[in-house]
PDB file of N, CA and C in Angstrom:
ATOM      1  N   GLY A   1       0.769  -1.254   0.068  1.00  0.00           N
ATOM      2  CA  GLY A   1       0.099   0.135  -0.055  1.00  0.00           C
ATOM      3  C   GLY A   1       0.596   0.962  -0.427  1.00  0.00           C
ATOM      4  N   ASP A   2       1.723   1.117   0.741  1.00  0.00           N
ATOM      5  CA  ASP A   2       2.842   2.569   0.967  1.00  0.00           C
ATOM      6  C   ASP A   2       3.298   2.908  -0.782  1.00  0.00           C
ATOM      7  N   ALA A   3       4.014   1.696  -1.142  1.00  0.00           N
ATOM      8  CA  ALA A   3       4.362   1.952  -2.404  1.00  0.00           C
ATOM      9  C   ALA A   3       3.186   2.478  -3.646  1.00  0.00           C
ATOM     10  N   PHE A   4       2.568   2.202  -3.784  1.00  0.00           N
ATOM     11  CA  PHE A   4       0.875   2.551  -4.326  1.00  0.00           C
ATOM     12  C   PHE A   4       0.621   4.469  -4.080  1.00  0.00           C
ATOM     13  N   ALA A   5       0.488   4.283  -2.941  1.00  0.00           N
ATOM     14  CA  ALA A   5       0.483   6.159  -2.259  1.00  0.00           C
ATOM     15  C   ALA A   5       1.570   6.538  -2.752  1.00  0.00           C
ATOM     16  N   ALA A   6       2.835   5.933  -2.983  1.00  0.00           N
ATOM     17  CA  ALA A   6       3.732   6.836  -3.256  1.00  0.00           C
ATOM     18  C   ALA A   6       3.699   7.321  -4.435  1.00  0.00           C
ATOM     19  N   GLY A   7       3.532   6.375  -5.490  1.00  0.00           N
ATOM     20  CA  GLY A   7       3.300   6.792  -7.309  1.00  0.00           C
ATOM     21  C   GLY A   7       2.231   7.173  -7.407  1.00  0.00           C
ATOM     22  N   PHE A   8       1.151   7.336  -6.629  1.00  0.00           N
ATOM     23  CA  PHE A   8      -0.073   8.148  -6.765  1.00  0.00           C
ATOM     24  C   PHE A   8       0.088   9.590  -6.571  1.00  0.00           C
ATOM     25  N   LEU A   9       0.739   9.532  -4.876  1.00  0.00           N
ATOM     26  CA  LEU A   9       0.966  11.026  -5.112  1.00  0.00           C
ATOM     27  C   LEU A   9       1.933  12.072  -5.453  1.00  0.00           C
ATOM     28  N   ALA A  10       3.178  10.979  -6.122  1.00  0.00           N
ATOM     29  CA  ALA A  10       3.769  11.922  -6.331  1.00  0.00           C
ATOM     30  C   ALA A  10       3.020  12.277  -8.285  1.00  0.00           C
ATOM     31  N   ALA A  11       2.594  11.437  -8.551  1.00  0.00           N
ATOM     32  CA  ALA A  11       1.871  11.667  -9.713  1.00  0.00           C
ATOM     33  C   ALA A  11       0.966  13.193  -9.822  1.00  0.00           C
ATOM     34  N   THR A  12       0.095  13.133  -8.364  1.00  0.00           N
ATOM     35  CA  THR A  12      -0.400  14.270  -8.154  1.00  0.00           C
ATOM     36  C   THR A  12       0.041  15.096  -8.064  1.00  0.00           C
ATOM     37  N   LEU A  13       1.260  15.272  -7.349  1.00  0.00           N
ATOM     38  CA  LEU A  13       1.967  16.727  -7.092  1.00  0.00           C
ATOM     39  C   LEU A  13       2.725  17.314  -8.647  1.00  0.00           C
ATOM     40  N   ARG A  14       3.006  16.132  -9.380  1.00  0.00           N
ATOM     41  CA  ARG A  14       3.320  16.556 -10.757  1.00  0.00           C
ATOM     42  C   ARG A  14       2.086  17.036 -11.692  1.00  0.00           C
ATOM     43  N   GLY A  15       0.584  17.116 -11.200  1.00  0.00           N
ATOM     44  CA  GLY A  15      -0.220  17.422 -11.675  1.00  0.00           C
ATOM     45  C   GLY A  15      -0.958  16.609 -12.884  1.00  0.00           C
ATOM     46  N   ALA A  16      -0.557  15.268 -12.672  1.00  0.00           N
ATOM     47  CA  ALA A  16      -1.093  14.225 -13.670  1.00  0.00           C
ATOM     48  C   ALA A  16      -2.629  13.984 -13.463  1.00  0.00           C
ATOM     49  N   GLU A  17      -3.139  13.456 -14.509  1.00  0.00           N
ATOM     50  CA  GLU A  17      -4.760  13.179 -14.778  1.00  0.00           C
ATOM     51  C   GLU A  17      -4.785  12.330 -13.780  1.00  0.00           C
ATOM     52  N   PRO A  18      -5.984  11.841 -13.369  1.00  0.00           N
ATOM     53  CA  PRO A  18      -6.476  10.920 -12.250  1.00  0.00           C
ATOM     54  C   PRO A  18      -6.128   9.401 -12.894  1.00  0.00           C
ATOM     55  N   LEU A  19      -6.504   9.000 -14.129  1.00  0.00           N
ATOM     56  CA  LEU A  19      -5.967   7.530 -14.638  1.00  0.00           C
ATOM     57  C   LEU A  19      -4.556   7.947 -14.355  1.00  0.00           C
ATOM     58  N   ALA A  20      -3.314   8.830 -14.946  1.00  0.00           N
ATOM     59  CA  ALA A  20      -2.279   8.784 -14.500  1.00  0.00           C
ATOM     60  C   ALA A  20      -1.516   8.457 -13.622  1.00  0.00           C
ATOM     61  N   ARG A  21      -2.412   9.140 -12.650  1.00  0.00           N
ATOM     62  CA  ARG A  21      -1.942   8.988 -10.980  1.00  0.00           C
ATOM     63  C   ARG A  21      -2.599   7.860 -10.263  1.00  0.00           C
ATOM     64  N   LEU A  22      -3.460   6.920 -11.116  1.00  0.00           N
ATOM     65  CA  LEU A  22      -3.919   5.429 -10.446  1.00  0.00           C
ATOM     66  C   LEU A  22      -2.823   4.678 -11.070  1.00  0.00           C
ATOM     67  N   ARG A  23      -2.553   4.522 -12.839  1.00  0.00           N
ATOM     68  CA  ARG A  23      -1.470   3.674 -13.098  1.00  0.00           C
ATOM     69  C   ARG A  23       0.222   3.827 -12.507  1.00  0.00           C
ATOM     70  N   GLN A  24       0.555   5.285 -11.855  1.00  0.00           N
ATOM     71  CA  GLN A  24       1.842   5.348 -11.232  1.00  0.00           C
ATOM     72  C   GLN A  24       1.423   4.477 -10.325  1.00  0.00           C
ATOM     73  N   GLY A  25       0.518   4.948  -9.506  1.00  0.00           N
ATOM     74  CA  GLY A  25       0.636   4.171  -8.021  1.00  0.00           C
ATOM     75  C   GLY A  25       0.686   2.784  -8.089  1.00  0.00           C
ATOM     76  N   HIS A  26       0.078   1.808  -9.325  1.00  0.00           N
ATOM     77  CA  HIS A  26       0.199   0.843  -9.803  1.00  0.00           C
ATOM     78  C   HIS A  26       1.389   0.162  -9.961  1.00  0.00           C
ATOM     79  N   LEU A  27       2.167   0.844 -10.973  1.00  0.00           N
ATOM     80  CA  LEU A  27       3.407   0.635 -11.415  1.00  0.00           C
ATOM     81  C   LEU A  27       4.749   0.903 -10.015  1.00  0.00           C
ATOM     82  N   GLN A  28       4.421   1.630  -9.438  1.00  0.00           N
ATOM     83  CA  GLN A  28       5.304   1.694  -8.246  1.00  0.00           C
ATOM     84  C   GLN A  28       5.512   0.542  -7.320  1.00  0.00           C
ATOM     85  N   ALA A  29       3.744   0.357  -6.965  1.00  0.00           N
ATOM     86  CA  ALA A  29       3.523  -0.958  -6.064  1.00  0.00           C
ATOM     87  C   ALA A  29       3.768  -2.538  -6.973  1.00  0.00           C
ATOM     88  N   ALA A  30       3.940  -2.552  -7.859  1.00  0.00           N
ATOM     89  CA  ALA A  30       4.049  -3.248  -8.666  1.00  0.00           C
ATOM     90  C   ALA A  30       5.778  -3.777  -8.903  1.00  0.00           C
ATOM     91  N   ALA A  31       6.203  -2.867  -8.982  1.00  0.00           N
ATOM     92  CA  ALA A  31       7.825  -2.744  -8.900  1.00  0.00           C
ATOM     93  C   ALA A  31       8.568  -2.850  -7.557  1.00  0.00           C
ATOM     94  N   THR A  32       7.892  -2.708  -6.590  1.00  0.00           N
ATOM     95  CA  THR A  32       8.143  -2.617  -4.875  1.00  0.00           C
ATOM     96  C   THR A  32       7.731  -4.122  -4.837  1.00  0.00           C
ATOM     97  N   LEU A  33       6.862  -5.308  -5.416  1.00  0.00           N
ATOM     98  CA  LEU A  33       6.645  -6.317  -5.557  1.00  0.00           C
ATOM     99  C   LEU A  33       7.643  -7.427  -6.008  1.00  0.00           C
ATOM    100  N   LEU A  34       8.433  -6.673  -7.001  1.00  0.00           N
ATOM    101  CA  LEU A  34       9.516  -7.620  -7.744  1.00  0.00           C
ATOM    102  C   LEU A  34      10.623  -7.632  -7.018  1.00  0.00           C
ATOM    103  N   THR A  35      10.947  -7.229  -5.981  1.00  0.00           N
ATOM    104  CA  THR A  35      12.220  -7.241  -5.372  1.00  0.00           C
ATOM    105  C   THR A  35      12.071  -7.935  -3.863  1.00  0.00           C
ATOM    106  N   HIS A  36      13.327  -8.395  -3.691  1.00  0.00           N
ATOM    107  CA  HIS A  36      12.933  -9.181  -1.802  1.00  0.00           C
ATOM    108  C   HIS A  36      13.754  -7.929  -1.132  1.00  0.00           C
ATOM    109  N   ASP A  37      14.478  -6.799  -1.454  1.00  0.00           N
ATOM    110  CA  ASP A  37      15.392  -5.742  -1.318  1.00  0.00           C
ATOM    111  C   ASP A  37      13.508  -4.903  -0.553  1.00  0.00           C
ATOM    112  N   ASP A  38      14.621  -4.094  -0.026  1.00  0.00           N
ATOM    113  CA  ASP A  38      13.937  -3.236   0.897  1.00  0.00           C
ATOM    114  C   ASP A  38      13.451  -2.123  -0.218  1.00  0.00           C
ATOM    115  N   VAL A  39      14.209  -1.746  -1.070  1.00  0.00           N
ATOM    116  CA  VAL A  39      14.131  -0.879  -2.110  1.00  0.00           C
ATOM    117  C   VAL A  39      14.466  -1.362  -3.216  1.00  0.00           C
ATOM    118  N   GLY A  40      13.456  -1.407  -4.186  1.00  0.00           N
ATOM    119  CA  GLY A  40      13.458  -1.765  -5.538  1.00  0.00           C
ATOM    120  C   GLY A  40      14.002  -1.155  -6.819  1.00  0.00           C
ATOM    121  N   VAL A  41      14.632  -1.368  -7.670  1.00  0.00           N
ATOM    122  CA  VAL A  41      14.840  -0.738  -8.673  1.00  0.00           C
ATOM    123  C   VAL A  41      13.546  -0.221  -9.543  1.00  0.00           C
ATOM    124  N   PRO A  42      14.095   1.394  -9.915  1.00  0.00           N
ATOM    125  CA  PRO A  42      12.955   1.520 -10.261  1.00  0.00           C
ATOM    126  C   PRO A  42      12.350   1.311 -11.604  1.00  0.00           C
ATOM    127  N   LEU A  43      11.522   1.281 -12.076  1.00  0.00           N
ATOM    128  CA  LEU A  43      11.193   0.952 -13.910  1.00  0.00           C
ATOM    129  C   LEU A  43      11.774   1.548 -14.513  1.00  0.00           C
ATOM    130  N   PRO A  44      12.678   1.284 -15.742  1.00  0.00           N
ATOM    131  CA  PRO A  44      13.126   2.247 -16.759  1.00  0.00           C
ATOM    132  C   PRO A  44      11.843   3.214 -17.110  1.00  0.00           C
ATOM    133  N   ARG A  45      12.259   4.690 -17.357  1.00  0.00           N
ATOM    134  CA  ARG A  45      11.260   5.619 -17.416  1.00  0.00           C
ATOM    135  C   ARG A  45      10.752   5.544 -19.051  1.00  0.00           C
ATOM    136  N   THR A  46      11.030   4.831 -20.106  1.00  0.00           N
ATOM    137  CA  THR A  46      10.625   4.450 -21.031  1.00  0.00           C
ATOM    138  C   THR A  46       9.364   3.243 -20.981  1.00  0.00           C
ATOM    139  N   VAL A  47       9.546   2.367 -19.731  1.00  0.00           N
ATOM    140  CA  VAL A  47       8.360   1.568 -19.522  1.00  0.00           C
ATOM    141  C   VAL A  47       7.175   2.196 -19.128  1.00  0.00           C
ATOM    142  N   VAL A  48       7.637   3.368 -17.798  1.00  0.00           N
ATOM    143  CA  VAL A  48       6.741   4.086 -17.564  1.00  0.00           C
ATOM    144  C   VAL A  48       5.971   4.690 -18.045  1.00  0.00           C
ATOM    145  N   ALA A  49       6.301   5.544 -19.294  1.00  0.00           N
ATOM    146  CA  ALA A  49       5.713   6.455 -20.159  1.00  0.00           C
ATOM    147  C   ALA A  49       4.742   5.281 -21.136  1.00  0.00           C
ATOM    148  N   THR A  50       5.123   4.459 -21.591  1.00  0.00           N
ATOM    149  CA  THR A  50       4.460   3.341 -22.466  1.00  0.00           C
ATOM    150  C   THR A  50       3.440   3.107 -21.643  1.00  0.00           C
ATOM    151  N   LEU A  51       3.188   2.691 -20.445  1.00  0.00           N
ATOM    152  CA  LEU A  51       2.630   2.093 -19.886  1.00  0.00           C
ATOM    153  C   LEU A  51       1.410   3.228 -19.180  1.00  0.00           C
ATOM    154  N   LEU A  52       2.049   4.527 -19.301  1.00  0.00           N
ATOM    155  CA  LEU A  52       1.016   5.605 -19.207  1.00  0.00           C
ATOM    156  C   LEU A  52       0.283   5.814 -19.888  1.00  0.00           C
ATOM    157  N   GLN A  53       0.509   5.720 -21.277  1.00  0.00           N
ATOM    158  CA  GLN A  53       0.039   6.275 -22.273  1.00  0.00           C
ATOM    159  C   GLN A  53      -0.636   5.107 -22.822  1.00  0.00           C
ATOM    160  N   ALA A  54      -0.802   4.041 -22.658  1.00  0.00           N
ATOM    161  CA  ALA A  54      -1.520   2.615 -22.805  1.00  0.00           C
ATOM    162  C   ALA A  54      -3.025   2.647 -22.963  1.00  0.00           C
ATOM    163  N   ASP A  55      -3.400   2.039 -24.494  1.00  0.00           N
ATOM    164  CA  ASP A  55      -4.837   2.068 -24.032  1.00  0.00           C
ATOM    165  C   ASP A  55      -5.390   0.903 -23.375  1.00  0.00           C
ATOM    166  N   PRO A  56      -6.560   0.956 -22.859  1.00  0.00           N
ATOM    167  CA  PRO A  56      -7.142  -0.314 -21.496  1.00  0.00           C
ATOM    168  C   PRO A  56      -6.632  -1.525 -22.057  1.00  0.00           C
ATOM    169  N   ASP A  57      -6.911  -1.644 -23.405  1.00  0.00           N
ATOM    170  CA  ASP A  57      -6.260  -3.399 -23.518  1.00  0.00           C
ATOM    171  C   ASP A  57      -4.949  -3.448 -23.483  1.00  0.00           C
ATOM    172  N   GLU A  58      -4.402  -2.608 -23.617  1.00  0.00           N
ATOM    173  CA  GLU A  58      -3.136  -2.994 -23.686  1.00  0.00           C
ATOM    174  C   GLU A  58      -2.418  -2.611 -21.969  1.00  0.00           C
ATOM    175  N   TRP A  59      -3.212  -1.703 -21.159  1.00  0.00           N
ATOM    176  CA  TRP A  59      -2.788  -1.812 -20.038  1.00  0.00           C
ATOM    177  C   TRP A  59      -3.353  -3.167 -19.270  1.00  0.00           C
ATOM    178  N   SER A  60      -4.438  -3.614 -19.276  1.00  0.00           N
ATOM    179  CA  SER A  60      -4.951  -4.773 -18.716  1.00  0.00           C
ATOM    180  C   SER A  60      -4.008  -5.982 -19.011  1.00  0.00           C
ATOM    181  N   SER A  61      -3.372  -5.561 -20.498  1.00  0.00           N
ATOM    182  CA  SER A  61      -2.934  -6.924 -20.673  1.00  0.00           C
ATOM    183  C   SER A  61      -1.470  -7.330 -20.529  1.00  0.00           C
ATOM    184  N   ALA A  62      -0.851  -5.748 -19.878  1.00  0.00           N
ATOM    185  CA  ALA A  62       0.584  -5.956 -19.222  1.00  0.00           C
ATOM    186  C   ALA A  62       0.817  -6.479 -18.088  1.00  0.00           C
ATOM    187  N   ARG A  63       2.401  -7.115 -18.530  1.00  0.00           N
ATOM    188  CA  ARG A  63       2.569  -7.747 -16.858  1.00  0.00           C
ATOM    189  C   ARG A  63       4.102  -7.181 -16.622  1.00  0.00           C
ATOM    190  N   LEU A  64       4.026  -7.319 -15.364  1.00  0.00           N
ATOM    191  CA  LEU A  64       5.555  -7.218 -14.992  1.00  0.00           C
ATOM    192  C   LEU A  64       6.286  -8.197 -14.336  1.00  0.00           C
ATOM    193  N   THR A  65       7.264  -8.820 -14.547  1.00  0.00           N
ATOM    194  CA  THR A  65       7.628  -9.834 -14.432  1.00  0.00           C
ATOM    195  C   THR A  65       9.389  -9.221 -13.595  1.00  0.00           C
ATOM    196  N   GLY A  66      10.294  -9.888 -13.467  1.00  0.00           N
ATOM    197  CA  GLY A  66      11.339  -9.770 -13.122  1.00  0.00           C
ATOM    198  C   GLY A  66      12.354  -9.635 -14.360  1.00  0.00           C
ATOM    199  N   GLU A  67      11.868 -10.082 -15.386  1.00  0.00           N
ATOM    200  CA  GLU A  67      12.732  -9.647 -16.974  1.00  0.00           C
ATOM    201  C   GLU A  67      11.877  -8.619 -17.162  1.00  0.00           C
ATOM    202  N   GLY A  68      10.991  -8.004 -16.979  1.00  0.00           N
ATOM    203  CA  GLY A  68      10.667  -6.359 -17.762  1.00  0.00           C
ATOM    204  C   GLY A  68       9.293  -6.528 -17.988  1.00  0.00           C
ATOM    205  N   VAL A  69       9.018  -5.660 -18.630  1.00  0.00           N
ATOM    206  CA  VAL A  69       6.965  -5.492 -19.106  1.00  0.00           C
ATOM    207  C   VAL A  69       7.127  -6.369 -20.125  1.00  0.00           C
ATOM    208  N   VAL A  70       5.821  -7.203 -20.110  1.00  0.00           N
ATOM    209  CA  VAL A  70       5.267  -7.837 -21.066  1.00  0.00           C
ATOM    210  C   VAL A  70       4.247  -7.157 -21.505  1.00  0.00           C
ATOM    211  N   LEU A  71       3.882  -7.021 -23.114  1.00  0.00           N
ATOM    212  CA  LEU A  71       2.653  -6.584 -23.393  1.00  0.00           C
ATOM    213  C   LEU A  71       2.087  -7.840 -24.110  1.00  0.00           C
ATOM    214  N   THR A  72       1.037  -8.299 -23.922  1.00  0.00           N
ATOM    215  CA  THR A  72       0.337  -9.253 -24.930  1.00  0.00           C
ATOM    216  C   THR A  72      -0.992  -8.614 -25.505  1.00  0.00           C
TER     217      THR A  72
END
């Protein structure tokens, strides 16, 4: 929950639209769940930008794995 909140609030402070805020929160939470460490490696900016602009079908089919993002 903390990672989601951090992503959501960071996007809010940048003035992002509501959908982008939610997606940023989900991406931050997913990146956090991919690590066993206290602090995960941030997702590459290009990946985040692609997913923030994805249409609803692309977004719902995206999967984050330890090897990267899979868009089906």
